[in-house]
Amino acid sequence: MTLASDRHHPDSARAEHRRRQVLEAAEQCFRRRGFHGASMADISKAAGMSAGHIYNYFDNKEAIIAAFVQCKVERVSAIMRDLDSHADPLQALLDGMDEYVRKAVEDDDHKIPLEIFAEAARNPAIHAMLCAADAHTRGQFQDIVCRARERRGLSVDRAVIGGRVAALIAMFEGLHLRVLQHPQLMQRGMADALRTAAAPLLLND
């Protein structure tokens, strides 16, 4: 999917600022009204610019969702790079569980991913994009786990580790649904439970 800005605007700080402005406005609107409930007019009002101006940067709402998916890839890649920088990434992941749960519970981080998942279930273009993004970040995560296990002297069977990484991701992404259905989720209890469940997957042969 091609952003209109790629065709009409040179790469510039101003263009990037405008794209970010539109994305922040779209996020507000999608949180309140959902992907289909929020119109381009709603987004333009929240962004403080005309709908015509927004179309200079994004072709349509689908292109905005594409940008959200790309932002998620970049954000997760940065998290993966930080994780990989630790002397023991596996322990760092376990130690960071409290912060992950806190962010998911307190920052409404679950809303936009759920909107994207729902759209991917019925929109082949978004589905393909989401699958490609998942393959990229899942591959990064698997490589980090394999290298970290090798340094610990643990077995590194990529097929086995791939299954464990998939299970870990399923647990993390499932937290979005848990928070939606159980807003008063006990953060400490959930973080401790996730740590207990993740430790054998990361550290056992």
Foldseek 3Di string as FASTA:
>chain_A
DDWLLVVQPDDDPVLVVLLVLLLVLVVVQCLVQNLVGDALCSSCVSSVHDSVVVCNTGVGSVRSLLVVLVVVLVVLVVVLVVLLPDPQSLVVVLVCLLVLLCCVQPVVPLRSVVSLVVCLVPPVVSVVSNVVSCVVSLVSVLVSLQVNCVVVVHDRDSVLLSVLSVVLVCLSNVSSVVCVVPSVDDSVVSSVVSSVVNCCSRHPD
